Amino acid sequence: MANVFYVTLKELEQQKETLMEEFNNTKDGILKLEVDMNKMKNNLNALSGAVQQTDKLIAVAKQHGNDGDWKVEEKTVKAQAKKKK
């Protein structure tokens, strides 16, 4: 004759409780990851803006160097340093 196995209501309720806890933990983890990802995207955008601004300033500095106006400032600074001595 075959053995008969059964599951009690208490065992099923305990299993459901374990599964619900795992479900809620996973859901909370996903929500936290979404918040963190949004923060990281915002930081990435801020860094991108900073890089763009720096590129713009580099271009302005290079243009000044090409125009020769840095040389005038260097002469002025050197002349002022000689006056102070």
C-alpha atoms as a PDB file:
ATOM      1  CA  MET A   1       0.000   0.000   0.000  1.00  0.00           C
ATOM      2  CA  ALA A   2       1.176   3.559  -0.784  1.00  0.00           C
ATOM      3  CA  ASN A   3       2.215   6.011   1.887  1.00  0.00           C
ATOM      4  CA  VAL A   4       0.014   9.071   2.262  1.00  0.00           C
ATOM      5  CA  PHE A   5       1.628  12.437   2.971  1.00  0.00           C
ATOM      6  CA  TYR A   6      -0.159  15.620   3.886  1.00  0.00           C
ATOM      7  CA  VAL A   7       0.629  19.225   4.572  1.00  0.00           C
ATOM      8  CA  THR A   8      -0.924  21.010   7.489  1.00  0.00           C
ATOM      9  CA  LEU A   9      -2.539  24.404   7.320  1.00  0.00           C
ATOM     10  CA  LYS A  10       0.050  25.708   9.782  1.00  0.00           C
ATOM     11  CA  GLU A  11       2.906  24.583   7.495  1.00  0.00           C
ATOM     12  CA  LEU A  12       1.299  26.299   4.515  1.00  0.00           C
ATOM     13  CA  GLU A  13       0.794  29.523   6.475  1.00  0.00           C
ATOM     14  CA  GLN A  14       4.438  29.473   7.631  1.00  0.00           C
ATOM     15  CA  GLN A  15       5.609  28.929   4.063  1.00  0.00           C
ATOM     16  CA  LYS A  16       3.429  31.807   2.866  1.00  0.00           C
ATOM     17  CA  GLU A  17       4.826  34.064   5.606  1.00  0.00           C
ATOM     18  CA  THR A  18       8.391  33.213   4.556  1.00  0.00           C
ATOM     19  CA  LEU A  19       7.586  33.867   0.913  1.00  0.00           C
ATOM     20  CA  MET A  20       5.867  37.187   1.710  1.00  0.00           C
ATOM     21  CA  GLU A  21       8.873  38.310   3.753  1.00  0.00           C
ATOM     22  CA  GLU A  22      11.220  37.458   0.901  1.00  0.00           C
ATOM     23  CA  PHE A  23       8.885  39.181  -1.573  1.00  0.00           C
ATOM     24  CA  ASN A  24       8.791  42.370   0.521  1.00  0.00           C
ATOM     25  CA  ASN A  25      12.569  42.373   1.019  1.00  0.00           C
ATOM     26  CA  THR A  26      13.123  41.982  -2.724  1.00  0.00           C
ATOM     27  CA  LYS A  27      10.601  44.723  -3.483  1.00  0.00           C
ATOM     28  CA  ASP A  28      12.289  47.087  -0.999  1.00  0.00           C
ATOM     29  CA  GLY A  29      15.673  46.273  -2.524  1.00  0.00           C
ATOM     30  CA  ILE A  30      14.403  47.127  -6.000  1.00  0.00           C
ATOM     31  CA  LEU A  31      12.956  50.443  -4.774  1.00  0.00           C
ATOM     32  CA  LYS A  32      16.268  51.325  -3.100  1.00  0.00           C
ATOM     33  CA  LEU A  33      18.168  50.482  -6.287  1.00  0.00           C
ATOM     34  CA  GLU A  34      15.847  52.708  -8.318  1.00  0.00           C
ATOM     35  CA  VAL A  35      16.440  55.632  -5.927  1.00  0.00           C
ATOM     36  CA  ASP A  36      20.201  55.043  -6.004  1.00  0.00           C
ATOM     37  CA  MET A  37      20.161  54.803  -9.802  1.00  0.00           C
ATOM     38  CA  ASN A  38      18.332  58.140 -10.071  1.00  0.00           C
ATOM     39  CA  LYS A  39      20.900  59.744  -7.757  1.00  0.00           C
ATOM     40  CA  MET A  40      23.712  58.325  -9.870  1.00  0.00           C
ATOM     41  CA  LYS A  41      22.089  59.596 -13.086  1.00  0.00           C
ATOM     42  CA  ASN A  42      21.763  63.059 -11.546  1.00  0.00           C
ATOM     43  CA  ASN A  43      25.430  62.979 -10.517  1.00  0.00           C
ATOM     44  CA  LEU A  44      26.376  61.857 -14.023  1.00  0.00           C
ATOM     45  CA  ASN A  45      24.462  64.778 -15.534  1.00  0.00           C
ATOM     46  CA  ALA A  46      26.136  67.207 -13.129  1.00  0.00           C
ATOM     47  CA  LEU A  47      29.568  65.844 -14.044  1.00  0.00           C
ATOM     48  CA  SER A  48      28.741  66.080 -17.726  1.00  0.00           C
ATOM     49  CA  GLY A  49      27.800  69.738 -17.271  1.00  0.00           C
ATOM     50  CA  ALA A  50      31.046  70.387 -15.412  1.00  0.00           C
ATOM     51  CA  VAL A  51      33.040  68.759 -18.226  1.00  0.00           C
ATOM     52  CA  GLN A  52      31.224  70.892 -20.810  1.00  0.00           C
ATOM     53  CA  GLN A  53      31.930  74.064 -18.805  1.00  0.00           C
ATOM     54  CA  THR A  54      35.591  73.103 -18.443  1.00  0.00           C
ATOM     55  CA  ASP A  55      35.846  72.441 -22.184  1.00  0.00           C
ATOM     56  CA  LYS A  56      34.385  75.891 -22.815  1.00  0.00           C
ATOM     57  CA  LEU A  57      36.911  77.526 -20.469  1.00  0.00           C
ATOM     58  CA  ILE A  58      39.773  75.602 -22.096  1.00  0.00           C
ATOM     59  CA  ALA A  59      38.641  76.841 -25.508  1.00  0.00           C
ATOM     60  CA  VAL A  60      38.506  80.437 -24.204  1.00  0.00           C
ATOM     61  CA  ALA A  61      41.991  80.088 -22.689  1.00  0.00           C
ATOM     62  CA  LYS A  62      43.378  78.664 -25.942  1.00  0.00           C
ATOM     63  CA  GLN A  63      41.826  81.512 -27.907  1.00  0.00           C
ATOM     64  CA  HIS A  64      43.447  84.041 -25.579  1.00  0.00           C
ATOM     65  CA  GLY A  65      46.770  82.321 -26.125  1.00  0.00           C
ATOM     66  CA  ASN A  66      46.289  82.467 -29.895  1.00  0.00           C
ATOM     67  CA  ASP A  67      45.333  86.138 -29.752  1.00  0.00           C
ATOM     68  CA  GLY A  68      48.544  86.924 -27.886  1.00  0.00           C
ATOM     69  CA  ASP A  69      46.841  88.743 -25.040  1.00  0.00           C
ATOM     70  CA  TRP A  70      48.498  86.510 -22.451  1.00  0.00           C
ATOM     71  CA  LYS A  71      51.855  87.974 -23.434  1.00  0.00           C
ATOM     72  CA  VAL A  72      50.645  91.463 -22.548  1.00  0.00           C
ATOM     73  CA  GLU A  73      49.549  90.265 -19.115  1.00  0.00           C
ATOM     74  CA  GLU A  74      52.879  88.486 -18.562  1.00  0.00           C
ATOM     75  CA  LYS A  75      54.755  91.707 -19.338  1.00  0.00           C
ATOM     76  CA  THR A  76      52.525  93.650 -16.941  1.00  0.00           C
ATOM     77  CA  VAL A  77      53.040  91.130 -14.151  1.00  0.00           C
ATOM     78  CA  LYS A  78      56.813  91.147 -14.682  1.00  0.00           C
ATOM     79  CA  ALA A  79      56.883  94.962 -14.692  1.00  0.00           C
ATOM     80  CA  GLN A  80      54.880  95.124 -11.465  1.00  0.00           C
ATOM     81  CA  ALA A  81      57.215  92.581  -9.849  1.00  0.00           C
ATOM     82  CA  LYS A  82      60.253  94.707 -10.770  1.00  0.00           C
ATOM     83  CA  LYS A  83      58.624  97.837  -9.277  1.00  0.00           C
ATOM     84  CA  LYS A  84      58.054  96.024  -5.966  1.00  0.00           C
ATOM     85  CA  LYS A  85      61.758  95.128  -5.683  1.00  0.00           C
END
